[in-house]
Amino acid sequence: MAAQEKTNVPALVIMAQAALETGWGSTVVGNMMFGVKDTDGVNGNEQLLTTTEYFNNPDKKFPLILKVVQVSKNLWKYTVKDYFRKYESPEESFTDHATLLSKSSLYKRAMNVTRDPFLFASAIAGCGYATDPDYAKKLHKIIRLIQDIVTERI
């Protein structure tokens, strides 16, 4: 909620992304809750981790490629090692992620629909937040689950 108050990024989306990106908290390396990439891999706040990426061609470059599998006519699934940011605390990860979404021109379209978490989730997926072609669908499912849990507790 604090990240939403600071940035206007919907808390439901923040929670859904954290759940999805960490396997509901089962994988939180370096306090990284959102899979935010480190673009240079040299400034000391990065970590090299295994991840899955999807692209429409089989010749992408990564620090280390473990496996590439063609999953459809124009889609390849990569298992790779890539650089991600690491953080001093979970709070720093939440703040950095929400600030990235709210300040980057890449996500401007999403910031125009902050009142609807489903539209926001679709917008960030459409802007390229993740390479998974089902990213928005997965976020929608988790948002509904979180809403159901909250409704049950009221």
N, C-alpha and C. Protein backbone atom coordinates (compact mmCIF):
# COMPACT_ATOMS: atom_id res chain seq x y z
N MET A 1 0.83 -1.19 0.00
CA MET A 1 0.00 0.00 0.00
C MET A 1 0.88 1.25 0.00
N ALA A 2 2.01 1.20 0.68
CA ALA A 2 2.90 2.37 0.71
C ALA A 2 3.42 2.67 -0.69
N ALA A 3 3.76 1.63 -1.45
CA ALA A 3 4.24 1.85 -2.82
C ALA A 3 3.12 2.45 -3.68
N GLN A 4 1.89 2.00 -3.50
CA GLN A 4 0.77 2.57 -4.24
C GLN A 4 0.59 4.04 -3.89
N GLU A 5 0.67 4.36 -2.61
CA GLU A 5 0.51 5.75 -2.18
C GLU A 5 1.59 6.65 -2.76
N LYS A 6 2.82 6.15 -2.87
CA LYS A 6 3.93 6.94 -3.39
C LYS A 6 3.88 7.11 -4.91
N THR A 7 3.35 6.09 -5.61
CA THR A 7 3.51 6.06 -7.07
C THR A 7 2.22 5.96 -7.87
N ASN A 8 1.12 5.62 -7.21
CA ASN A 8 -0.18 5.41 -7.86
C ASN A 8 -0.25 4.09 -8.63
N VAL A 9 0.74 3.24 -8.53
CA VAL A 9 0.69 1.91 -9.13
C VAL A 9 -0.24 1.07 -8.25
N PRO A 10 -1.25 0.41 -8.84
CA PRO A 10 -2.23 -0.33 -8.04
C PRO A 10 -1.60 -1.42 -7.16
N ALA A 11 -1.94 -1.39 -5.88
CA ALA A 11 -1.40 -2.36 -4.92
C ALA A 11 -1.74 -3.79 -5.32
N LEU A 12 -2.93 -4.00 -5.88
CA LEU A 12 -3.30 -5.35 -6.31
C LEU A 12 -2.34 -5.88 -7.38
N VAL A 13 -1.92 -5.02 -8.27
CA VAL A 13 -0.98 -5.43 -9.31
C VAL A 13 0.40 -5.66 -8.71
N ILE A 14 0.81 -4.79 -7.81
CA ILE A 14 2.10 -4.96 -7.15
C ILE A 14 2.14 -6.32 -6.43
N MET A 15 1.08 -6.63 -5.68
CA MET A 15 1.04 -7.91 -4.97
C MET A 15 1.00 -9.08 -5.93
N ALA A 16 0.23 -8.96 -7.00
CA ALA A 16 0.14 -10.05 -7.98
C ALA A 16 1.49 -10.29 -8.65
N GLN A 17 2.16 -9.22 -9.03
CA GLN A 17 3.48 -9.38 -9.65
C GLN A 17 4.47 -10.00 -8.68
N ALA A 18 4.47 -9.56 -7.43
CA ALA A 18 5.39 -10.14 -6.45
C ALA A 18 5.10 -11.63 -6.27
N ALA A 19 3.83 -12.00 -6.21
CA ALA A 19 3.45 -13.41 -6.07
C ALA A 19 3.94 -14.21 -7.28
N LEU A 20 3.68 -13.71 -8.46
CA LEU A 20 4.06 -14.42 -9.68
C LEU A 20 5.58 -14.51 -9.83
N GLU A 21 6.26 -13.40 -9.64
CA GLU A 21 7.70 -13.35 -9.87
C GLU A 21 8.51 -14.14 -8.83
N THR A 22 7.94 -14.36 -7.65
CA THR A 22 8.68 -15.07 -6.60
C THR A 22 8.11 -16.46 -6.29
N GLY A 23 7.10 -16.89 -7.06
CA GLY A 23 6.47 -18.17 -6.74
C GLY A 23 5.83 -18.12 -5.38
N TRP A 24 5.07 -17.03 -5.14
CA TRP A 24 4.40 -16.79 -3.85
C TRP A 24 5.41 -16.76 -2.71
N GLY A 25 6.55 -16.15 -2.96
CA GLY A 25 7.56 -15.95 -1.92
C GLY A 25 8.53 -17.09 -1.76
N SER A 26 8.44 -18.11 -2.59
CA SER A 26 9.34 -19.25 -2.43
C SER A 26 10.75 -18.98 -2.97
N THR A 27 10.89 -17.99 -3.85
CA THR A 27 12.21 -17.66 -4.39
C THR A 27 12.41 -16.14 -4.34
N VAL A 28 13.08 -15.71 -3.28
CA VAL A 28 13.36 -14.28 -3.11
C VAL A 28 14.85 -14.14 -2.87
N VAL A 29 15.59 -14.04 -3.95
CA VAL A 29 17.05 -13.93 -3.86
C VAL A 29 17.43 -12.46 -3.90
N GLY A 30 18.23 -12.03 -2.95
CA GLY A 30 18.66 -10.64 -2.92
C GLY A 30 17.51 -9.67 -2.76
N ASN A 31 16.47 -10.08 -2.04
CA ASN A 31 15.28 -9.25 -1.80
C ASN A 31 14.61 -8.79 -3.09
N MET A 32 14.84 -9.51 -4.18
CA MET A 32 14.25 -9.15 -5.46
C MET A 32 12.88 -9.78 -5.57
N MET A 33 11.85 -8.92 -5.60
CA MET A 33 10.47 -9.39 -5.62
C MET A 33 9.84 -9.35 -7.01
N PHE A 34 10.47 -8.68 -7.98
CA PHE A 34 9.79 -8.40 -9.25
C PHE A 34 10.56 -8.75 -10.50
N GLY A 35 11.70 -9.31 -10.42
CA GLY A 35 12.44 -9.67 -11.62
C GLY A 35 12.89 -8.48 -12.43
N VAL A 36 13.26 -7.40 -11.76
CA VAL A 36 13.74 -6.21 -12.47
C VAL A 36 15.17 -6.48 -12.92
N LYS A 37 15.39 -6.37 -14.22
CA LYS A 37 16.71 -6.66 -14.79
C LYS A 37 17.70 -5.55 -14.43
N ASP A 38 18.95 -5.96 -14.32
CA ASP A 38 20.06 -5.02 -14.16
C ASP A 38 20.70 -4.90 -15.54
N THR A 39 20.71 -3.70 -16.07
CA THR A 39 21.09 -3.52 -17.47
C THR A 39 22.58 -3.66 -17.75
N ASP A 40 23.44 -3.44 -16.74
CA ASP A 40 24.86 -3.51 -17.05
C ASP A 40 25.60 -4.67 -16.40
N GLY A 41 25.11 -5.16 -15.28
CA GLY A 41 25.75 -6.29 -14.63
C GLY A 41 27.14 -6.01 -14.09
N VAL A 42 27.46 -4.73 -13.83
CA VAL A 42 28.81 -4.42 -13.38
C VAL A 42 28.90 -3.47 -12.20
N ASN A 43 27.78 -2.96 -11.70
CA ASN A 43 27.87 -1.91 -10.68
C ASN A 43 27.72 -2.41 -9.25
N GLY A 44 27.66 -3.71 -9.03
CA GLY A 44 27.65 -4.24 -7.68
C GLY A 44 26.27 -4.47 -7.10
N ASN A 45 25.21 -3.98 -7.75
CA ASN A 45 23.87 -4.22 -7.20
C ASN A 45 23.12 -5.24 -8.06
N GLU A 46 23.87 -6.19 -8.65
CA GLU A 46 23.26 -7.17 -9.52
C GLU A 46 23.53 -8.58 -9.03
N GLN A 47 22.74 -9.50 -9.56
CA GLN A 47 22.93 -10.92 -9.27
C GLN A 47 22.58 -11.70 -10.54
N LEU A 48 23.35 -12.72 -10.82
CA LEU A 48 23.15 -13.54 -12.00
C LEU A 48 22.26 -14.72 -11.61
N LEU A 49 21.04 -14.75 -12.17
CA LEU A 49 20.06 -15.76 -11.79
C LEU A 49 19.48 -16.46 -13.01
N THR A 50 18.98 -17.66 -12.79
CA THR A 50 18.32 -18.42 -13.84
C THR A 50 16.90 -17.88 -14.02
N THR A 51 16.51 -17.72 -15.28
CA THR A 51 15.18 -17.20 -15.60
C THR A 51 14.69 -17.83 -16.90
N THR A 52 13.40 -17.66 -17.15
CA THR A 52 12.78 -18.12 -18.39
C THR A 52 12.31 -16.90 -19.16
N GLU A 53 12.63 -16.87 -20.45
CA GLU A 53 12.24 -15.77 -21.33
C GLU A 53 11.63 -16.35 -22.59
N TYR A 54 10.78 -15.58 -23.25
CA TYR A 54 10.15 -15.99 -24.51
C TYR A 54 10.42 -14.93 -25.58
N PHE A 55 10.84 -15.39 -26.77
CA PHE A 55 11.11 -14.47 -27.87
C PHE A 55 10.67 -15.09 -29.19
N ASN A 56 10.52 -14.24 -30.19
CA ASN A 56 10.07 -14.71 -31.50
C ASN A 56 11.22 -15.09 -32.42
N ASN A 57 12.41 -15.26 -31.86
CA ASN A 57 13.53 -15.75 -32.66
C ASN A 57 14.51 -16.50 -31.76
N PRO A 58 15.31 -17.39 -32.36
CA PRO A 58 16.19 -18.24 -31.55
C PRO A 58 17.62 -17.73 -31.40
N ASP A 59 17.84 -16.43 -31.58
CA ASP A 59 19.23 -15.95 -31.55
C ASP A 59 19.46 -14.80 -30.59
N LYS A 60 18.75 -14.77 -29.48
CA LYS A 60 18.95 -13.73 -28.47
C LYS A 60 20.25 -13.98 -27.71
N LYS A 61 20.80 -12.92 -27.16
CA LYS A 61 22.06 -13.00 -26.41
C LYS A 61 21.78 -12.80 -24.92
N PHE A 62 22.42 -13.60 -24.10
CA PHE A 62 22.36 -13.52 -22.65
C PHE A 62 23.73 -13.83 -22.10
N PRO A 63 23.99 -13.48 -20.83
CA PRO A 63 25.28 -13.85 -20.25
C PRO A 63 25.54 -15.35 -20.33
N LEU A 64 24.48 -16.17 -20.16
CA LEU A 64 24.62 -17.62 -20.27
C LEU A 64 23.29 -18.22 -20.71
N ILE A 65 23.31 -18.95 -21.80
CA ILE A 65 22.10 -19.63 -22.30
C ILE A 65 22.19 -21.09 -21.89
N LEU A 66 21.19 -21.56 -21.15
CA LEU A 66 21.16 -22.94 -20.69
C LEU A 66 20.40 -23.84 -21.66
N LYS A 67 19.30 -23.30 -22.23
CA LYS A 67 18.49 -24.11 -23.14
C LYS A 67 17.57 -23.20 -23.95
N VAL A 68 17.34 -23.55 -25.22
CA VAL A 68 16.38 -22.86 -26.07
C VAL A 68 15.50 -23.91 -26.71
N VAL A 69 14.17 -23.76 -26.56
CA VAL A 69 13.22 -24.71 -27.10
C VAL A 69 12.18 -23.96 -27.90
N GLN A 70 11.91 -24.43 -29.11
CA GLN A 70 10.86 -23.83 -29.92
C GLN A 70 9.52 -24.37 -29.41
N VAL A 71 8.62 -23.45 -28.98
CA VAL A 71 7.34 -23.88 -28.41
C VAL A 71 6.18 -23.70 -29.38
N SER A 72 6.38 -22.93 -30.42
CA SER A 72 5.40 -22.79 -31.49
C SER A 72 6.13 -22.27 -32.72
N LYS A 73 5.38 -22.05 -33.79
CA LYS A 73 6.01 -21.65 -35.06
C LYS A 73 6.94 -20.45 -34.90
N ASN A 74 6.51 -19.44 -34.14
CA ASN A 74 7.29 -18.21 -34.01
C ASN A 74 7.61 -17.87 -32.56
N LEU A 75 7.77 -18.87 -31.70
CA LEU A 75 8.04 -18.59 -30.30
C LEU A 75 9.05 -19.58 -29.74
N TRP A 76 10.11 -19.02 -29.12
CA TRP A 76 11.14 -19.82 -28.48
C TRP A 76 11.16 -19.52 -26.99
N LYS A 77 11.32 -20.57 -26.21
CA LYS A 77 11.43 -20.46 -24.76
C LYS A 77 12.90 -20.64 -24.39
N TYR A 78 13.44 -19.63 -23.75
CA TYR A 78 14.84 -19.63 -23.32
C TYR A 78 14.91 -19.90 -21.82
N THR A 79 15.81 -20.75 -21.42
CA THR A 79 16.21 -20.87 -20.02
C THR A 79 17.62 -20.33 -19.98
N VAL A 80 17.81 -19.24 -19.23
CA VAL A 80 19.08 -18.52 -19.27
C VAL A 80 19.48 -18.04 -17.89
N LYS A 81 20.70 -17.56 -17.81
CA LYS A 81 21.13 -16.79 -16.65
C LYS A 81 21.24 -15.35 -17.12
N ASP A 82 20.66 -14.45 -16.34
CA ASP A 82 20.70 -13.03 -16.67
C ASP A 82 20.87 -12.23 -15.39
N TYR A 83 21.25 -10.97 -15.55
CA TYR A 83 21.47 -10.11 -14.39
C TYR A 83 20.18 -9.45 -13.94
N PHE A 84 19.94 -9.51 -12.64
CA PHE A 84 18.79 -8.87 -12.01
C PHE A 84 19.29 -7.98 -10.87
N ARG A 85 18.51 -6.98 -10.56
CA ARG A 85 18.86 -6.12 -9.44
C ARG A 85 18.73 -6.88 -8.13
N LYS A 86 19.53 -6.48 -7.15
CA LYS A 86 19.36 -6.98 -5.80
C LYS A 86 19.18 -5.78 -4.88
N TYR A 87 18.58 -6.01 -3.72
CA TYR A 87 18.16 -4.92 -2.85
C TYR A 87 18.56 -5.19 -1.41
N GLU A 88 18.69 -4.12 -0.65
CA GLU A 88 19.01 -4.23 0.77
C GLU A 88 17.82 -4.75 1.58
N SER A 89 16.58 -4.51 1.08
CA SER A 89 15.39 -4.93 1.81
C SER A 89 14.24 -5.16 0.83
N PRO A 90 13.23 -5.91 1.24
CA PRO A 90 12.04 -6.06 0.40
C PRO A 90 11.38 -4.71 0.10
N GLU A 91 11.34 -3.83 1.09
CA GLU A 91 10.74 -2.51 0.89
C GLU A 91 11.44 -1.76 -0.25
N GLU A 92 12.77 -1.85 -0.31
CA GLU A 92 13.51 -1.20 -1.39
C GLU A 92 13.12 -1.78 -2.75
N SER A 93 12.89 -3.09 -2.80
CA SER A 93 12.46 -3.73 -4.04
C SER A 93 11.08 -3.24 -4.46
N PHE A 94 10.14 -3.18 -3.52
CA PHE A 94 8.79 -2.70 -3.82
C PHE A 94 8.82 -1.25 -4.32
N THR A 95 9.58 -0.41 -3.66
CA THR A 95 9.66 1.00 -4.04
C THR A 95 10.32 1.16 -5.41
N ASP A 96 11.39 0.44 -5.66
CA ASP A 96 12.08 0.53 -6.95
C ASP A 96 11.17 0.08 -8.09
N HIS A 97 10.47 -1.01 -7.90
CA HIS A 97 9.57 -1.55 -8.91
C HIS A 97 8.45 -0.56 -9.23
N ALA A 98 7.77 -0.05 -8.20
CA ALA A 98 6.67 0.89 -8.42
C ALA A 98 7.18 2.19 -9.05
N THR A 99 8.35 2.63 -8.65
CA THR A 99 8.93 3.84 -9.24
C THR A 99 9.26 3.61 -10.71
N LEU A 100 9.81 2.45 -11.03
CA LEU A 100 10.09 2.11 -12.42
C LEU A 100 8.82 2.19 -13.26
N LEU A 101 7.75 1.58 -12.79
CA LEU A 101 6.49 1.60 -13.54
C LEU A 101 5.92 3.00 -13.67
N SER A 102 5.99 3.77 -12.60
CA SER A 102 5.35 5.09 -12.60
C SER A 102 6.15 6.16 -13.32
N LYS A 103 7.46 6.00 -13.40
CA LYS A 103 8.31 7.05 -13.98
C LYS A 103 8.77 6.77 -15.41
N SER A 104 8.83 5.52 -15.81
CA SER A 104 9.34 5.18 -17.13
C SER A 104 8.30 5.51 -18.21
N SER A 105 8.75 6.15 -19.27
CA SER A 105 7.85 6.46 -20.38
C SER A 105 7.31 5.19 -21.03
N LEU A 106 8.02 4.09 -20.87
CA LEU A 106 7.58 2.82 -21.43
C LEU A 106 6.21 2.40 -20.88
N TYR A 107 5.92 2.76 -19.63
CA TYR A 107 4.68 2.33 -18.98
C TYR A 107 3.66 3.45 -18.85
N LYS A 108 3.83 4.50 -19.62
CA LYS A 108 2.92 5.66 -19.54
C LYS A 108 1.47 5.24 -19.78
N ARG A 109 1.25 4.36 -20.77
CA ARG A 109 -0.11 3.89 -21.06
C ARG A 109 -0.73 3.22 -19.83
N ALA A 110 0.05 2.46 -19.12
CA ALA A 110 -0.45 1.79 -17.92
C ALA A 110 -0.81 2.80 -16.84
N MET A 111 -0.03 3.84 -16.71
CA MET A 111 -0.30 4.84 -15.67
C MET A 111 -1.58 5.63 -15.95
N ASN A 112 -2.12 5.50 -17.15
CA ASN A 112 -3.41 6.14 -17.47
C ASN A 112 -4.60 5.29 -17.04
N VAL A 113 -4.37 4.07 -16.57
CA VAL A 113 -5.47 3.18 -16.16
C VAL A 113 -5.24 2.61 -14.77
N THR A 114 -4.70 3.41 -13.88
CA THR A 114 -4.35 2.93 -12.54
C THR A 114 -5.57 2.57 -11.69
N ARG A 115 -6.76 3.04 -12.05
CA ARG A 115 -7.96 2.73 -11.25
C ARG A 115 -8.47 1.31 -11.48
N ASP A 116 -8.00 0.66 -12.54
CA ASP A 116 -8.45 -0.70 -12.85
C ASP A 116 -7.24 -1.63 -12.88
N PRO A 117 -7.08 -2.49 -11.87
CA PRO A 117 -5.88 -3.33 -11.81
C PRO A 117 -5.77 -4.29 -13.00
N PHE A 118 -6.90 -4.73 -13.55
CA PHE A 118 -6.86 -5.64 -14.69
C PHE A 118 -6.36 -4.92 -15.95
N LEU A 119 -6.86 -3.72 -16.19
CA LEU A 119 -6.37 -2.94 -17.33
C LEU A 119 -4.91 -2.58 -17.15
N PHE A 120 -4.53 -2.23 -15.91
CA PHE A 120 -3.13 -1.89 -15.63
C PHE A 120 -2.22 -3.09 -15.91
N ALA A 121 -2.62 -4.27 -15.43
CA ALA A 121 -1.83 -5.48 -15.65
C ALA A 121 -1.68 -5.76 -17.14
N SER A 122 -2.78 -5.63 -17.88
CA SER A 122 -2.72 -5.84 -19.33
C SER A 122 -1.81 -4.82 -20.00
N ALA A 123 -1.87 -3.59 -19.53
CA ALA A 123 -1.06 -2.52 -20.12
C ALA A 123 0.43 -2.74 -19.90
N ILE A 124 0.83 -3.13 -18.68
CA ILE A 124 2.27 -3.34 -18.47
C ILE A 124 2.76 -4.54 -19.25
N ALA A 125 1.91 -5.56 -19.35
CA ALA A 125 2.29 -6.73 -20.16
C ALA A 125 2.43 -6.32 -21.62
N GLY A 126 1.51 -5.51 -22.10
CA GLY A 126 1.56 -5.05 -23.48
C GLY A 126 2.73 -4.13 -23.77
N CYS A 127 3.23 -3.48 -22.72
CA CYS A 127 4.38 -2.58 -22.88
C CYS A 127 5.70 -3.33 -22.82
N GLY A 128 5.65 -4.63 -22.55
CA GLY A 128 6.87 -5.43 -22.55
C GLY A 128 7.49 -5.67 -21.19
N TYR A 129 6.71 -5.55 -20.10
CA TYR A 129 7.30 -5.79 -18.78
C TYR A 129 7.93 -7.19 -18.72
N ALA A 130 7.24 -8.16 -19.28
CA ALA A 130 7.73 -9.54 -19.26
C ALA A 130 7.63 -10.13 -20.66
N THR A 131 8.43 -11.15 -20.93
CA THR A 131 8.40 -11.78 -22.24
C THR A 131 7.40 -12.93 -22.33
N ASP A 132 6.86 -13.37 -21.20
CA ASP A 132 5.89 -14.46 -21.18
C ASP A 132 4.61 -14.00 -21.89
N PRO A 133 4.20 -14.70 -22.95
CA PRO A 133 3.01 -14.28 -23.69
C PRO A 133 1.73 -14.36 -22.86
N ASP A 134 1.75 -15.11 -21.77
CA ASP A 134 0.58 -15.25 -20.90
C ASP A 134 0.69 -14.42 -19.62
N TYR A 135 1.62 -13.46 -19.59
CA TYR A 135 1.87 -12.69 -18.37
C TYR A 135 0.61 -11.98 -17.86
N ALA A 136 -0.11 -11.28 -18.73
CA ALA A 136 -1.32 -10.57 -18.29
C ALA A 136 -2.35 -11.55 -17.76
N LYS A 137 -2.55 -12.65 -18.45
CA LYS A 137 -3.53 -13.65 -18.02
C LYS A 137 -3.17 -14.19 -16.62
N LYS A 138 -1.89 -14.44 -16.40
CA LYS A 138 -1.44 -14.94 -15.10
C LYS A 138 -1.66 -13.90 -14.01
N LEU A 139 -1.36 -12.64 -14.32
CA LEU A 139 -1.59 -11.57 -13.33
C LEU A 139 -3.07 -11.44 -13.03
N HIS A 140 -3.93 -11.50 -14.04
CA HIS A 140 -5.38 -11.40 -13.82
C HIS A 140 -5.86 -12.49 -12.87
N LYS A 141 -5.38 -13.71 -13.07
CA LYS A 141 -5.77 -14.83 -12.22
C LYS A 141 -5.37 -14.57 -10.76
N ILE A 142 -4.16 -14.09 -10.56
CA ILE A 142 -3.67 -13.83 -9.20
C ILE A 142 -4.42 -12.65 -8.58
N ILE A 143 -4.71 -11.61 -9.36
CA ILE A 143 -5.47 -10.47 -8.84
C ILE A 143 -6.84 -10.94 -8.35
N ARG A 144 -7.50 -11.78 -9.14
CA ARG A 144 -8.82 -12.31 -8.72
C ARG A 144 -8.69 -13.12 -7.44
N LEU A 145 -7.64 -13.93 -7.34
CA LEU A 145 -7.41 -14.73 -6.14
C LEU A 145 -7.21 -13.83 -4.93
N ILE A 146 -6.40 -12.80 -5.06
CA ILE A 146 -6.17 -11.88 -3.95
C ILE A 146 -7.47 -11.18 -3.57
N GLN A 147 -8.25 -10.75 -4.56
CA GLN A 147 -9.54 -10.11 -4.28
C GLN A 147 -10.46 -11.07 -3.52
N ASP A 148 -10.49 -12.34 -3.93
CA ASP A 148 -11.33 -13.34 -3.24
C ASP A 148 -10.89 -13.53 -1.80
N ILE A 149 -9.57 -13.58 -1.57
CA ILE A 149 -9.06 -13.75 -0.21
C ILE A 149 -9.45 -12.55 0.65
N VAL A 150 -9.30 -11.35 0.12
CA VAL A 150 -9.64 -10.14 0.88
C VAL A 150 -11.15 -10.11 1.17
N THR A 151 -11.96 -10.47 0.18
CA THR A 151 -13.42 -10.46 0.36
C THR A 151 -13.84 -11.46 1.42
N GLU A 152 -13.22 -12.64 1.45
CA GLU A 152 -13.54 -13.65 2.45
C GLU A 152 -13.23 -13.18 3.86
N ARG A 153 -12.22 -12.36 4.01
CA ARG A 153 -11.80 -11.91 5.34
C ARG A 153 -12.59 -10.72 5.85
N ILE A 154 -13.39 -10.11 4.99
CA ILE A 154 -14.15 -8.93 5.42
C ILE A 154 -15.45 -9.36 6.07
